[in-house]
C-alpha atoms as a PDB file:
ATOM      1  CA  UNK A   1      38.056 -97.515 -38.014  1.00  0.00           C
ATOM      2  CA  UNK A   2      36.123 -99.305 -35.265  1.00  0.00           C
ATOM      3  CA  UNK A   3      37.219-102.728 -34.243  1.00  0.00           C
ATOM      4  CA  UNK A   4      35.014-105.794 -34.460  1.00  0.00           C
ATOM      5  CA  UNK A   5      34.494-105.913 -30.703  1.00  0.00           C
ATOM      6  CA  UNK A   6      33.280-102.294 -30.633  1.00  0.00           C
ATOM      7  CA  UNK A   7      30.774-102.930 -33.411  1.00  0.00           C
ATOM      8  CA  UNK A   8      29.431-106.005 -31.609  1.00  0.00           C
ATOM      9  CA  UNK A   9      29.005-104.016 -28.387  1.00  0.00           C
ATOM     10  CA  UNK A  10      27.074-101.257 -30.169  1.00  0.00           C
ATOM     11  CA  UNK A  11      24.846-103.777 -31.949  1.00  0.00           C
ATOM     12  CA  UNK A  12      24.109-105.521 -28.646  1.00  0.00           C
ATOM     13  CA  UNK A  13      23.193-102.228 -26.955  1.00  0.00           C
ATOM     14  CA  UNK A  14      20.873-101.334 -29.849  1.00  0.00           C
ATOM     15  CA  UNK A  15      19.095-104.678 -29.662  1.00  0.00           C
ATOM     16  CA  UNK A  16      18.637-104.414 -25.890  1.00  0.00           C
ATOM     17  CA  UNK A  17      17.228-100.880 -26.263  1.00  0.00           C
ATOM     18  CA  UNK A  18      14.683-102.033 -28.845  1.00  0.00           C
ATOM     19  CA  UNK A  19      13.619-104.891 -26.574  1.00  0.00           C
ATOM     20  CA  UNK A  20      13.141-102.466 -23.614  1.00  0.00           C
ATOM     21  CA  UNK A  21      11.002-100.123 -25.740  1.00  0.00           C
ATOM     22  CA  UNK A  22       8.866-103.030 -26.955  1.00  0.00           C
ATOM     23  CA  UNK A  23       8.265-104.297 -23.401  1.00  0.00           C
ATOM     24  CA  UNK A  24       7.349-100.807 -22.070  1.00  0.00           C
ATOM     25  CA  UNK A  25       4.982-100.159 -24.975  1.00  0.00           C
ATOM     26  CA  UNK A  26       3.279-103.506 -24.476  1.00  0.00           C
ATOM     27  CA  UNK A  27       2.809-102.829 -20.760  1.00  0.00           C
ATOM     28  CA  UNK A  28       1.300 -99.385 -21.348  1.00  0.00           C
ATOM     29  CA  UNK A  29      -1.071-100.661 -24.017  1.00  0.00           C
ATOM     30  CA  UNK A  30      -2.197-103.465 -21.734  1.00  0.00           C
ATOM     31  CA  UNK A  31      -2.836-101.037 -18.849  1.00  0.00           C
ATOM     32  CA  UNK A  32      -4.793 -98.696 -21.130  1.00  0.00           C
ATOM     33  CA  UNK A  33      -6.932-101.544 -22.433  1.00  0.00           C
ATOM     34  CA  UNK A  34      -7.658-102.682 -18.905  1.00  0.00           C
ATOM     35  CA  UNK A  35      -8.648 -99.142 -17.890  1.00  0.00           C
ATOM     36  CA  UNK A  36     -11.068 -98.838 -20.793  1.00  0.00           C
ATOM     37  CA  UNK A  37     -12.327-102.390 -20.529  1.00  0.00           C
ATOM     38  CA  UNK A  38     -15.386-101.188 -18.585  1.00  0.00           C
ATOM     39  CA  UNK A  39     -16.151 -98.417 -21.075  1.00  0.00           C
ATOM     40  CA  UNK A  40     -15.852 -94.624 -20.821  1.00  0.00           C
ATOM     41  CA  UNK A  41     -18.171 -91.747 -20.002  1.00  0.00           C
ATOM     42  CA  UNK A  42     -17.869 -88.084 -20.884  1.00  0.00           C
ATOM     43  CA  UNK A  43     -17.694 -85.748 -17.858  1.00  0.00           C
ATOM     44  CA  UNK A  44     -17.441 -81.961 -17.575  1.00  0.00           C
ATOM     45  CA  UNK A  45     -14.024 -80.368 -17.013  1.00  0.00           C
ATOM     46  CA  UNK A  46     -12.955 -76.726 -16.859  1.00  0.00           C
ATOM     47  CA  UNK A  47     -11.421 -75.073 -19.906  1.00  0.00           C
ATOM     48  CA  UNK A  48     -10.233 -72.092 -17.824  1.00  0.00           C
ATOM     49  CA  UNK A  49      -9.206 -71.522 -14.226  1.00  0.00           C
ATOM     50  CA  UNK A  50     -12.308 -70.953 -12.075  1.00  0.00           C
ATOM     51  CA  UNK A  51     -11.896 -68.991  -8.851  1.00  0.00           C
ATOM     52  CA  UNK A  52     -14.353 -68.368  -6.041  1.00  0.00           C
ATOM     53  CA  UNK A  53     -17.477 -66.632  -7.343  1.00  0.00           C
ATOM     54  CA  UNK A  54     -16.751 -67.241 -11.050  1.00  0.00           C
ATOM     55  CA  UNK A  55     -19.871 -67.997 -13.108  1.00  0.00           C
ATOM     56  CA  UNK A  56     -19.858 -71.399 -14.827  1.00  0.00           C
ATOM     57  CA  UNK A  57     -20.892 -70.835 -18.435  1.00  0.00           C
ATOM     58  CA  UNK A  58     -20.869 -73.159 -21.470  1.00  0.00           C
ATOM     59  CA  UNK A  59     -17.717 -71.563 -22.858  1.00  0.00           C
ATOM     60  CA  UNK A  60     -15.802 -72.495 -19.681  1.00  0.00           C
ATOM     61  CA  UNK A  61     -16.516 -76.218 -19.758  1.00  0.00           C
ATOM     62  CA  UNK A  62     -15.997 -79.165 -22.093  1.00  0.00           C
ATOM     63  CA  UNK A  63     -16.647 -82.887 -21.898  1.00  0.00           C
ATOM     64  CA  UNK A  64     -13.880 -85.489 -22.040  1.00  0.00           C
ATOM     65  CA  UNK A  65     -13.857 -89.294 -21.865  1.00  0.00           C
ATOM     66  CA  UNK A  66     -13.147 -90.770 -18.449  1.00  0.00           C
ATOM     67  CA  UNK A  67     -12.889 -94.499 -17.657  1.00  0.00           C
ATOM     68  CA  UNK A  68     -15.997 -95.632 -15.827  1.00  0.00           C
ATOM     69  CA  UNK A  69     -13.831 -97.049 -13.048  1.00  0.00           C
ATOM     70  CA  UNK A  70     -12.149 -93.653 -12.456  1.00  0.00           C
ATOM     71  CA  UNK A  71     -15.051 -91.184 -12.550  1.00  0.00           C
ATOM     72  CA  UNK A  72     -14.853 -89.051  -9.363  1.00  0.00           C
ATOM     73  CA  UNK A  73     -17.987 -88.732  -7.209  1.00  0.00           C
ATOM     74  CA  UNK A  74     -20.051 -85.629  -7.982  1.00  0.00           C
ATOM     75  CA  UNK A  75     -18.991 -85.352 -11.629  1.00  0.00           C
ATOM     76  CA  UNK A  76     -21.435 -84.063 -14.255  1.00  0.00           C
ATOM     77  CA  UNK A  77     -22.044 -86.127 -17.397  1.00  0.00           C
ATOM     78  CA  UNK A  78     -24.109 -83.617 -19.379  1.00  0.00           C
ATOM     79  CA  UNK A  79     -24.641 -79.871 -19.782  1.00  0.00           C
ATOM     80  CA  UNK A  80     -28.288 -80.269 -18.789  1.00  0.00           C
ATOM     81  CA  UNK A  81     -27.213 -81.891 -15.540  1.00  0.00           C
ATOM     82  CA  UNK A  82     -24.691 -79.132 -14.840  1.00  0.00           C
ATOM     83  CA  UNK A  83     -26.869 -76.156 -15.832  1.00  0.00           C
ATOM     84  CA  UNK A  84     -30.519 -77.284 -15.926  1.00  0.00           C
ATOM     85  CA  UNK A  85     -32.853 -74.898 -17.731  1.00  0.00           C
ATOM     86  CA  UNK A  86     -30.118 -72.278 -17.943  1.00  0.00           C
ATOM     87  CA  UNK A  87     -29.821 -71.899 -14.163  1.00  0.00           C
ATOM     88  CA  UNK A  88     -26.407 -70.528 -13.329  1.00  0.00           C
ATOM     89  CA  UNK A  89     -23.865 -71.994 -10.954  1.00  0.00           C
ATOM     90  CA  UNK A  90     -20.720 -70.404  -9.548  1.00  0.00           C
ATOM     91  CA  UNK A  91     -17.451 -71.849  -8.306  1.00  0.00           C
ATOM     92  CA  UNK A  92     -17.027 -72.049  -4.542  1.00  0.00           C
ATOM     93  CA  UNK A  93     -13.517 -73.494  -4.597  1.00  0.00           C
ATOM     94  CA  UNK A  94     -10.663 -72.989  -7.089  1.00  0.00           C
ATOM     95  CA  UNK A  95     -10.883 -75.326 -10.112  1.00  0.00           C
ATOM     96  CA  UNK A  96      -7.856 -75.735 -12.383  1.00  0.00           C
ATOM     97  CA  UNK A  97      -7.824 -76.165 -16.148  1.00  0.00           C
ATOM     98  CA  UNK A  98      -8.872 -79.711 -17.218  1.00  0.00           C
ATOM     99  CA  UNK A  99      -9.939 -80.499 -13.647  1.00  0.00           C
ATOM    100  CA  UNK A 100     -13.312 -82.247 -13.330  1.00  0.00           C
ATOM    101  CA  UNK A 101     -16.131 -79.983 -12.157  1.00  0.00           C
ATOM    102  CA  UNK A 102     -17.542 -81.621  -9.030  1.00  0.00           C
ATOM    103  CA  UNK A 103     -20.756 -80.971  -7.164  1.00  0.00           C
ATOM    104  CA  UNK A 104     -19.086 -80.009  -3.871  1.00  0.00           C
ATOM    105  CA  UNK A 105     -16.950 -77.337  -5.597  1.00  0.00           C
ATOM    106  CA  UNK A 106     -19.816 -75.337  -7.102  1.00  0.00           C
ATOM    107  CA  UNK A 107     -23.023 -73.757  -5.822  1.00  0.00           C
ATOM    108  CA  UNK A 108     -26.488 -75.224  -6.040  1.00  0.00           C
ATOM    109  CA  UNK A 109     -28.723 -74.638  -9.054  1.00  0.00           C
ATOM    110  CA  UNK A 110     -29.502 -70.960  -9.541  1.00  0.00           C
ATOM    111  CA  UNK A 111     -27.616 -69.862  -6.426  1.00  0.00           C
ATOM    112  CA  UNK A 112     -24.670 -67.537  -6.103  1.00  0.00           C
ATOM    113  CA  UNK A 113     -21.521 -67.792  -4.034  1.00  0.00           C
ATOM    114  CA  UNK A 114     -22.173 -68.432  -0.352  1.00  0.00           C
ATOM    115  CA  UNK A 115     -19.623 -68.397   2.438  1.00  0.00           C
ATOM    116  CA  UNK A 116     -21.639 -71.035   4.272  1.00  0.00           C
ATOM    117  CA  UNK A 117     -20.625 -73.532   1.588  1.00  0.00           C
ATOM    118  CA  UNK A 118     -16.978 -72.945   2.499  1.00  0.00           C
ATOM    119  CA  UNK A 119     -17.390 -73.769   6.202  1.00  0.00           C
ATOM    120  CA  UNK A 120     -16.253 -77.178   7.418  1.00  0.00           C
ATOM    121  CA  UNK A 121     -18.664 -79.224   9.492  1.00  0.00           C
ATOM    122  CA  UNK A 122     -19.163 -77.817  12.996  1.00  0.00           C
ATOM    123  CA  UNK A 123     -17.597 -74.427  12.226  1.00  0.00           C
ATOM    124  CA  UNK A 124     -19.167 -70.966  12.180  1.00  0.00           C
ATOM    125  CA  UNK A 125     -18.466 -67.636  10.473  1.00  0.00           C
ATOM    126  CA  UNK A 126     -18.205 -64.728  12.915  1.00  0.00           C
ATOM    127  CA  UNK A 127     -17.588 -61.103  11.944  1.00  0.00           C
ATOM    128  CA  UNK A 128     -15.694 -58.579  14.084  1.00  0.00           C
ATOM    129  CA  UNK A 129     -15.135 -54.839  13.669  1.00  0.00           C
ATOM    130  CA  UNK A 130     -11.654 -53.674  12.720  1.00  0.00           C
ATOM    131  CA  UNK A 131      -9.924 -50.496  11.555  1.00  0.00           C
ATOM    132  CA  UNK A 132      -6.720 -49.681   9.713  1.00  0.00           C
ATOM    133  CA  UNK A 133      -4.623 -50.374  12.824  1.00  0.00           C
ATOM    134  CA  UNK A 134      -6.371 -53.405  14.318  1.00  0.00           C
ATOM    135  CA  UNK A 135      -6.646 -54.901  10.819  1.00  0.00           C
ATOM    136  CA  UNK A 136      -2.852 -54.745  10.147  1.00  0.00           C
ATOM    137  CA  UNK A 137      -3.279 -51.860   7.685  1.00  0.00           C
ATOM    138  CA  UNK A 138      -5.344 -54.016   5.321  1.00  0.00           C
ATOM    139  CA  UNK A 139      -2.596 -56.562   4.636  1.00  0.00           C
ATOM    140  CA  UNK A 140      -4.633 -59.452   6.018  1.00  0.00           C
ATOM    141  CA  UNK A 141      -5.968 -61.499   3.109  1.00  0.00           C
ATOM    142  CA  UNK A 142      -8.700 -64.157   2.979  1.00  0.00           C
ATOM    143  CA  UNK A 143      -7.350 -67.591   4.038  1.00  0.00           C
ATOM    144  CA  UNK A 144      -4.662 -65.973   6.208  1.00  0.00           C
ATOM    145  CA  UNK A 145      -4.452 -67.041   9.853  1.00  0.00           C
ATOM    146  CA  UNK A 146      -4.495 -64.521  12.696  1.00  0.00           C
ATOM    147  CA  UNK A 147      -4.463 -64.228  16.482  1.00  0.00           C
ATOM    148  CA  UNK A 148      -7.239 -62.221  18.119  1.00  0.00           C
ATOM    149  CA  UNK A 149      -6.270 -59.904  21.000  1.00  0.00           C
ATOM    150  CA  UNK A 150      -8.665 -58.252  23.434  1.00  0.00           C
ATOM    151  CA  UNK A 151      -7.906 -55.050  25.361  1.00  0.00           C
ATOM    152  CA  UNK A 152     -10.195 -54.415  28.330  1.00  0.00           C
ATOM    153  CA  UNK A 153     -10.359 -52.866  31.797  1.00  0.00           C
ATOM    154  CA  UNK A 154     -10.286 -55.088  34.865  1.00  0.00           C
ATOM    155  CA  UNK A 155     -13.526 -54.982  36.887  1.00  0.00           C
ATOM    156  CA  UNK A 156     -13.409 -52.511  39.774  1.00  0.00           C
ATOM    157  CA  UNK A 157     -10.114 -50.957  38.663  1.00  0.00           C
ATOM    158  CA  UNK A 158      -8.781 -48.525  36.090  1.00  0.00           C
ATOM    159  CA  UNK A 159      -6.136 -51.011  34.952  1.00  0.00           C
ATOM    160  CA  UNK A 160      -6.202 -51.972  31.289  1.00  0.00           C
ATOM    161  CA  UNK A 161      -4.851 -55.345  30.164  1.00  0.00           C
ATOM    162  CA  UNK A 162      -4.447 -57.156  26.844  1.00  0.00           C
ATOM    163  CA  UNK A 163      -5.028 -60.888  26.506  1.00  0.00           C
ATOM    164  CA  UNK A 164      -4.776 -63.401  23.675  1.00  0.00           C
ATOM    165  CA  UNK A 165      -8.385 -64.359  23.000  1.00  0.00           C
ATOM    166  CA  UNK A 166      -7.957 -66.749  20.037  1.00  0.00           C
ATOM    167  CA  UNK A 167      -4.981 -68.224  18.190  1.00  0.00           C
ATOM    168  CA  UNK A 168      -4.481 -69.449  14.627  1.00  0.00           C
ATOM    169  CA  UNK A 169      -7.913 -68.426  13.352  1.00  0.00           C
ATOM    170  CA  UNK A 170      -8.581 -68.578   9.601  1.00  0.00           C
ATOM    171  CA  UNK A 171      -9.856 -65.441   7.881  1.00  0.00           C
ATOM    172  CA  UNK A 172     -12.764 -66.171   5.535  1.00  0.00           C
ATOM    173  CA  UNK A 173     -13.331 -62.655   4.217  1.00  0.00           C
ATOM    174  CA  UNK A 174     -12.181 -59.073   4.698  1.00  0.00           C
ATOM    175  CA  UNK A 175     -15.163 -56.774   4.405  1.00  0.00           C
ATOM    176  CA  UNK A 176     -17.253 -58.251   1.601  1.00  0.00           C
ATOM    177  CA  UNK A 177     -14.298 -59.770  -0.266  1.00  0.00           C
ATOM    178  CA  UNK A 178     -13.735 -63.485   0.139  1.00  0.00           C
ATOM    179  CA  UNK A 179     -11.167 -63.788  -2.654  1.00  0.00           C
ATOM    180  CA  UNK A 180      -7.469 -63.092  -2.671  1.00  0.00           C
ATOM    181  CA  UNK A 181      -6.613 -59.548  -3.767  1.00  0.00           C
ATOM    182  CA  UNK A 182      -3.249 -60.628  -5.279  1.00  0.00           C
ATOM    183  CA  UNK A 183      -1.411 -59.346  -2.224  1.00  0.00           C
ATOM    184  CA  UNK A 184      -2.859 -55.834  -2.425  1.00  0.00           C
ATOM    185  CA  UNK A 185      -4.177 -54.313   0.828  1.00  0.00           C
ATOM    186  CA  UNK A 186      -7.910 -54.697   1.415  1.00  0.00           C
ATOM    187  CA  UNK A 187      -9.463 -51.661   3.077  1.00  0.00           C
ATOM    188  CA  UNK A 188     -12.197 -53.167   5.246  1.00  0.00           C
ATOM    189  CA  UNK A 189     -14.046 -52.317   8.434  1.00  0.00           C
ATOM    190  CA  UNK A 190     -14.939 -55.920   9.290  1.00  0.00           C
ATOM    191  CA  UNK A 191     -13.246 -59.319   9.242  1.00  0.00           C
ATOM    192  CA  UNK A 192     -15.089 -62.644   9.028  1.00  0.00           C
ATOM    193  CA  UNK A 193     -13.357 -65.470  10.892  1.00  0.00           C
ATOM    194  CA  UNK A 194     -13.849 -69.231  10.873  1.00  0.00           C
ATOM    195  CA  UNK A 195     -14.422 -70.331  14.482  1.00  0.00           C
ATOM    196  CA  UNK A 196     -16.180 -73.021  16.464  1.00  0.00           C
ATOM    197  CA  UNK A 197     -19.394 -72.174  18.373  1.00  0.00           C
ATOM    198  CA  UNK A 198     -17.590 -71.492  21.693  1.00  0.00           C
ATOM    199  CA  UNK A 199     -15.062 -69.171  20.048  1.00  0.00           C
ATOM    200  CA  UNK A 200     -17.926 -67.356  18.321  1.00  0.00           C
ATOM    201  CA  UNK A 201     -19.402 -66.651  21.764  1.00  0.00           C
ATOM    202  CA  UNK A 202     -16.004 -65.403  22.964  1.00  0.00           C
ATOM    203  CA  UNK A 203     -15.807 -62.975  20.051  1.00  0.00           C
ATOM    204  CA  UNK A 204     -19.291 -61.621  20.740  1.00  0.00           C
ATOM    205  CA  UNK A 205     -18.527 -61.155  24.441  1.00  0.00           C
ATOM    206  CA  UNK A 206     -15.094 -59.708  23.709  1.00  0.00           C
ATOM    207  CA  UNK A 207     -16.534 -56.999  21.452  1.00  0.00           C
ATOM    208  CA  UNK A 208     -18.938 -56.007  24.207  1.00  0.00           C
ATOM    209  CA  UNK A 209     -16.269 -56.040  26.937  1.00  0.00           C
ATOM    210  CA  UNK A 210     -13.418 -54.264  25.119  1.00  0.00           C
ATOM    211  CA  UNK A 211     -11.734 -53.773  21.764  1.00  0.00           C
ATOM    212  CA  UNK A 212     -10.429 -56.538  19.495  1.00  0.00           C
ATOM    213  CA  UNK A 213      -7.282 -56.492  17.362  1.00  0.00           C
ATOM    214  CA  UNK A 214      -5.989 -58.943  14.757  1.00  0.00           C
ATOM    215  CA  UNK A 215      -2.352 -60.074  14.608  1.00  0.00           C
ATOM    216  CA  UNK A 216      -1.180 -61.716  11.389  1.00  0.00           C
ATOM    217  CA  UNK A 217       0.554 -65.077  11.878  1.00  0.00           C
ATOM    218  CA  UNK A 218       3.218 -66.821   9.829  1.00  0.00           C
ATOM    219  CA  UNK A 219       1.751 -69.596   7.697  1.00  0.00           C
ATOM    220  CA  UNK A 220       2.071 -73.022   9.310  1.00  0.00           C
ATOM    221  CA  UNK A 221       3.228 -71.709  12.699  1.00  0.00           C
ATOM    222  CA  UNK A 222       2.068 -73.724  15.709  1.00  0.00           C
ATOM    223  CA  UNK A 223       0.079 -72.264  18.594  1.00  0.00           C
ATOM    224  CA  UNK A 224       1.974 -70.811  21.551  1.00  0.00           C
ATOM    225  CA  UNK A 225       1.046 -72.890  24.645  1.00  0.00           C
ATOM    226  CA  UNK A 226       2.087 -70.062  27.012  1.00  0.00           C
ATOM    227  CA  UNK A 227       0.266 -66.745  26.720  1.00  0.00           C
ATOM    228  CA  UNK A 228       0.736 -63.608  28.812  1.00  0.00           C
ATOM    229  CA  UNK A 229      -1.600 -61.005  30.241  1.00  0.00           C
ATOM    230  CA  UNK A 230       0.103 -57.675  29.520  1.00  0.00           C
ATOM    231  CA  UNK A 231      -0.733 -54.635  31.655  1.00  0.00           C
ATOM    232  CA  UNK A 232       0.488 -51.041  31.811  1.00  0.00           C
ATOM    233  CA  UNK A 233       3.222 -52.134  34.246  1.00  0.00           C
ATOM    234  CA  UNK A 234       4.754 -54.249  31.456  1.00  0.00           C
ATOM    235  CA  UNK A 235       5.237 -51.345  29.029  1.00  0.00           C
ATOM    236  CA  UNK A 236       8.980 -51.220  29.396  1.00  0.00           C
ATOM    237  CA  UNK A 237      12.005 -52.760  27.736  1.00  0.00           C
ATOM    238  CA  UNK A 238      12.646 -56.331  28.809  1.00  0.00           C
ATOM    239  CA  UNK A 239      16.308 -56.765  29.704  1.00  0.00           C
ATOM    240  CA  UNK A 240      16.002 -60.476  29.032  1.00  0.00           C
ATOM    241  CA  UNK A 241      15.449 -59.840  25.334  1.00  0.00           C
ATOM    242  CA  UNK A 242      12.136 -58.714  23.887  1.00  0.00           C
ATOM    243  CA  UNK A 243       9.316 -61.165  24.502  1.00  0.00           C
ATOM    244  CA  UNK A 244      11.514 -64.042  25.719  1.00  0.00           C
ATOM    245  CA  UNK A 245      10.570 -64.371  29.332  1.00  0.00           C
ATOM    246  CA  UNK A 246      13.050 -65.834  31.843  1.00  0.00           C
ATOM    247  CA  UNK A 247      10.428 -68.177  33.269  1.00  0.00           C
ATOM    248  CA  UNK A 248       7.127 -69.537  31.915  1.00  0.00           C
ATOM    249  CA  UNK A 249       4.119 -67.649  33.200  1.00  0.00           C
ATOM    250  CA  UNK A 250       0.842 -69.123  34.404  1.00  0.00           C
ATOM    251  CA  UNK A 251      -1.708 -68.955  31.601  1.00  0.00           C
ATOM    252  CA  UNK A 252      -4.459 -66.458  32.331  1.00  0.00           C
ATOM    253  CA  UNK A 253      -3.159 -65.505  35.808  1.00  0.00           C
ATOM    254  CA  UNK A 254      -3.066 -61.720  35.989  1.00  0.00           C
ATOM    255  CA  UNK A 255      -0.368 -60.303  38.219  1.00  0.00           C
ATOM    256  CA  UNK A 256       2.188 -62.978  37.381  1.00  0.00           C
ATOM    257  CA  UNK A 257       2.865 -61.822  33.869  1.00  0.00           C
ATOM    258  CA  UNK A 258       6.007 -60.321  32.427  1.00  0.00           C
ATOM    259  CA  UNK A 259       6.832 -58.262  35.521  1.00  0.00           C
ATOM    260  CA  UNK A 260       6.222 -61.180  37.868  1.00  0.00           C
ATOM    261  CA  UNK A 261       8.385 -63.505  35.808  1.00  0.00           C
ATOM    262  CA  UNK A 262      11.273 -61.027  35.723  1.00  0.00           C
ATOM    263  CA  UNK A 263      10.962 -60.257  39.455  1.00  0.00           C
ATOM    264  CA  UNK A 264      10.991 -63.937  40.397  1.00  0.00           C
ATOM    265  CA  UNK A 265      14.040 -64.574  38.240  1.00  0.00           C
ATOM    266  CA  UNK A 266      15.971 -61.645  39.785  1.00  0.00           C
ATOM    267  CA  UNK A 267      15.042 -62.767  43.287  1.00  0.00           C
ATOM    268  CA  UNK A 268      16.261 -66.303  42.567  1.00  0.00           C
ATOM    269  CA  UNK A 269      19.539 -64.969  41.165  1.00  0.00           C
ATOM    270  CA  UNK A 270      20.092 -62.758  44.243  1.00  0.00           C
ATOM    271  CA  UNK A 271      19.456 -65.726  46.568  1.00  0.00           C
ATOM    272  CA  UNK A 272      22.007 -67.861  44.698  1.00  0.00           C
ATOM    273  CA  UNK A 273      24.648 -65.121  44.925  1.00  0.00           C
ATOM    274  CA  UNK A 274      24.015 -64.647  48.656  1.00  0.00           C
ATOM    275  CA  UNK A 275      24.280 -68.397  49.276  1.00  0.00           C
ATOM    276  CA  UNK A 276      27.529 -68.654  47.333  1.00  0.00           C
ATOM    277  CA  UNK A 277      29.020 -65.708  49.252  1.00  0.00           C
ATOM    278  CA  UNK A 278      28.069 -67.027  52.693  1.00  0.00           C
ATOM    279  CA  UNK A 279      29.512 -70.471  51.959  1.00  0.00           C
ATOM    280  CA  UNK A 280      33.043 -69.163  51.270  1.00  0.00           C
ATOM    281  CA  UNK A 281      35.587 -70.028  54.014  1.00  0.00           C
ATOM    282  CA  UNK A 282      37.051 -67.112  55.955  1.00  0.00           C
ATOM    283  CA  UNK A 283      40.673 -66.277  55.228  1.00  0.00           C
ATOM    284  CA  UNK A 284      43.272 -66.017  58.046  1.00  0.00           C
ATOM    285  CA  UNK A 285      45.897 -63.250  57.920  1.00  0.00           C
ATOM    286  CA  UNK A 286      49.363 -64.705  58.392  1.00  0.00           C
ATOM    287  CA  UNK A 287      51.433 -61.568  57.847  1.00  0.00           C
ATOM    288  CA  UNK A 288      53.347 -59.490  60.385  1.00  0.00           C
ATOM    289  CA  UNK A 289      51.129 -57.601  62.760  1.00  0.00           C
ATOM    290  CA  UNK A 290      51.328 -53.858  62.587  1.00  0.00           C
ATOM    291  CA  UNK A 291      52.985 -52.199  65.531  1.00  0.00           C
ATOM    292  CA  UNK A 292      50.709 -50.022  67.635  1.00  0.00           C
ATOM    293  CA  UNK A 293      51.225 -46.368  67.138  1.00  0.00           C
ATOM    294  CA  UNK A 294      52.791 -44.477  69.976  1.00  0.00           C
ATOM    295  CA  UNK A 295      50.613 -42.069  71.849  1.00  0.00           C
ATOM    296  CA  UNK A 296      50.720 -38.614  70.419  1.00  0.00           C
ATOM    297  CA  UNK A 297      51.883 -35.827  72.696  1.00  0.00           C
ATOM    298  CA  UNK A 298      49.313 -33.523  74.110  1.00  0.00           C
ATOM    299  CA  UNK A 299      48.301 -30.792  71.798  1.00  0.00           C
ATOM    300  CA  UNK A 300      49.575 -27.594  73.390  1.00  0.00           C
ATOM    301  CA  UNK A 301      48.710 -25.501  70.377  1.00  0.00           C
ATOM    302  CA  UNK A 302      48.070 -25.667  66.725  1.00  0.00           C
ATOM    303  CA  UNK A 303      50.325 -28.214  65.071  1.00  0.00           C
ATOM    304  CA  UNK A 304      50.518 -30.383  61.989  1.00  0.00           C
ATOM    305  CA  UNK A 305      52.140 -33.739  61.410  1.00  0.00           C
ATOM    306  CA  UNK A 306      54.722 -33.848  58.610  1.00  0.00           C
ATOM    307  CA  UNK A 307      55.883 -37.174  57.139  1.00  0.00           C
ATOM    308  CA  UNK A 308      59.417 -37.542  55.732  1.00  0.00           C
ATOM    309  CA  UNK A 309      59.714 -41.016  54.319  1.00  0.00           C
ATOM    310  CA  UNK A 310      58.652 -43.291  57.188  1.00  0.00           C
ATOM    311  CA  UNK A 311      59.251 -40.703  59.926  1.00  0.00           C
ATOM    312  CA  UNK A 312      56.768 -38.190  61.157  1.00  0.00           C
ATOM    313  CA  UNK A 313      57.376 -34.868  62.964  1.00  0.00           C
ATOM    314  CA  UNK A 314      55.008 -32.598  64.813  1.00  0.00           C
ATOM    315  CA  UNK A 315      55.335 -28.973  63.727  1.00  0.00           C
ATOM    316  CA  UNK A 316      53.604 -26.173  65.581  1.00  0.00           C
ATOM    317  CA  UNK A 317      51.957 -23.455  63.557  1.00  0.00           C
ATOM    318  CA  UNK A 318      50.283 -20.208  64.378  1.00  0.00           C
ATOM    319  CA  UNK A 319      52.706 -19.237  67.250  1.00  0.00           C
ATOM    320  CA  UNK A 320      54.554 -16.641  65.266  1.00  0.00           C
ATOM    321  CA  UNK A 321      54.592 -13.300  67.042  1.00  0.00           C
ATOM    322  CA  UNK A 322      53.838 -14.661  70.534  1.00  0.00           C
END
């Protein structure tokens, strides 16, 4: 049986809990009344997930009440405003369920999906030719980021080099597909990249001067400030460990690439070893000097020298029978 003090403690906790619930409920009701004090307006929201290129039809939208003070810019307040005279619209950006349908996320009246609507201000869409190898076997997906490499011949020589032309470039579409293929490879002969006007000129010139290849990047990885020009002389194993060069190379300076960096490092190491060797003090021999050997007798015939312990004897050979 509970004691009187225990019962009082439980009763006090129950009363305090009821008071806390009453205060929270009052606060929420007050906030809701303040939100709806200016009235509400029905706006269009999605009833299903809308991906890029999905047609917006009446069965995919519904209208819900939104406080007038919280209506997002570009919202639609009627079906006639969203789809006037039955003109279709399509989604240009992903729209989640119950998310308001906004003007900047869908196409214009009666127009289909357009990549130009996806470009940020000041950016361009440039398309380059690729194949199964230069396109990473089709595993590059839209919205991935890639580096663009160019392989070309140096003017006046037969030397071929590969340079990094662009870094961290967003892929808009692979072939004619601008939507994610759920991780499945996309077999395409072209890739459309999002670049600025100068980079678009570089891509056009690069295609005319050599061949371009795409290299898939890890998401969120920063640009490498040091790039290398790789030539045929660099096609060997690097004893310093893969692509980790012993010294930073000059960006864009052909001839001081991987081989130049390794050669300079080896030369510096050899100079340090030579300096350390020459600076060592010479050692003086303090032992007993060896006694000079006595002059050997004149060789009057064929003889050999035989050692017995520390003594040596001269023995003539070849005189038998004389």
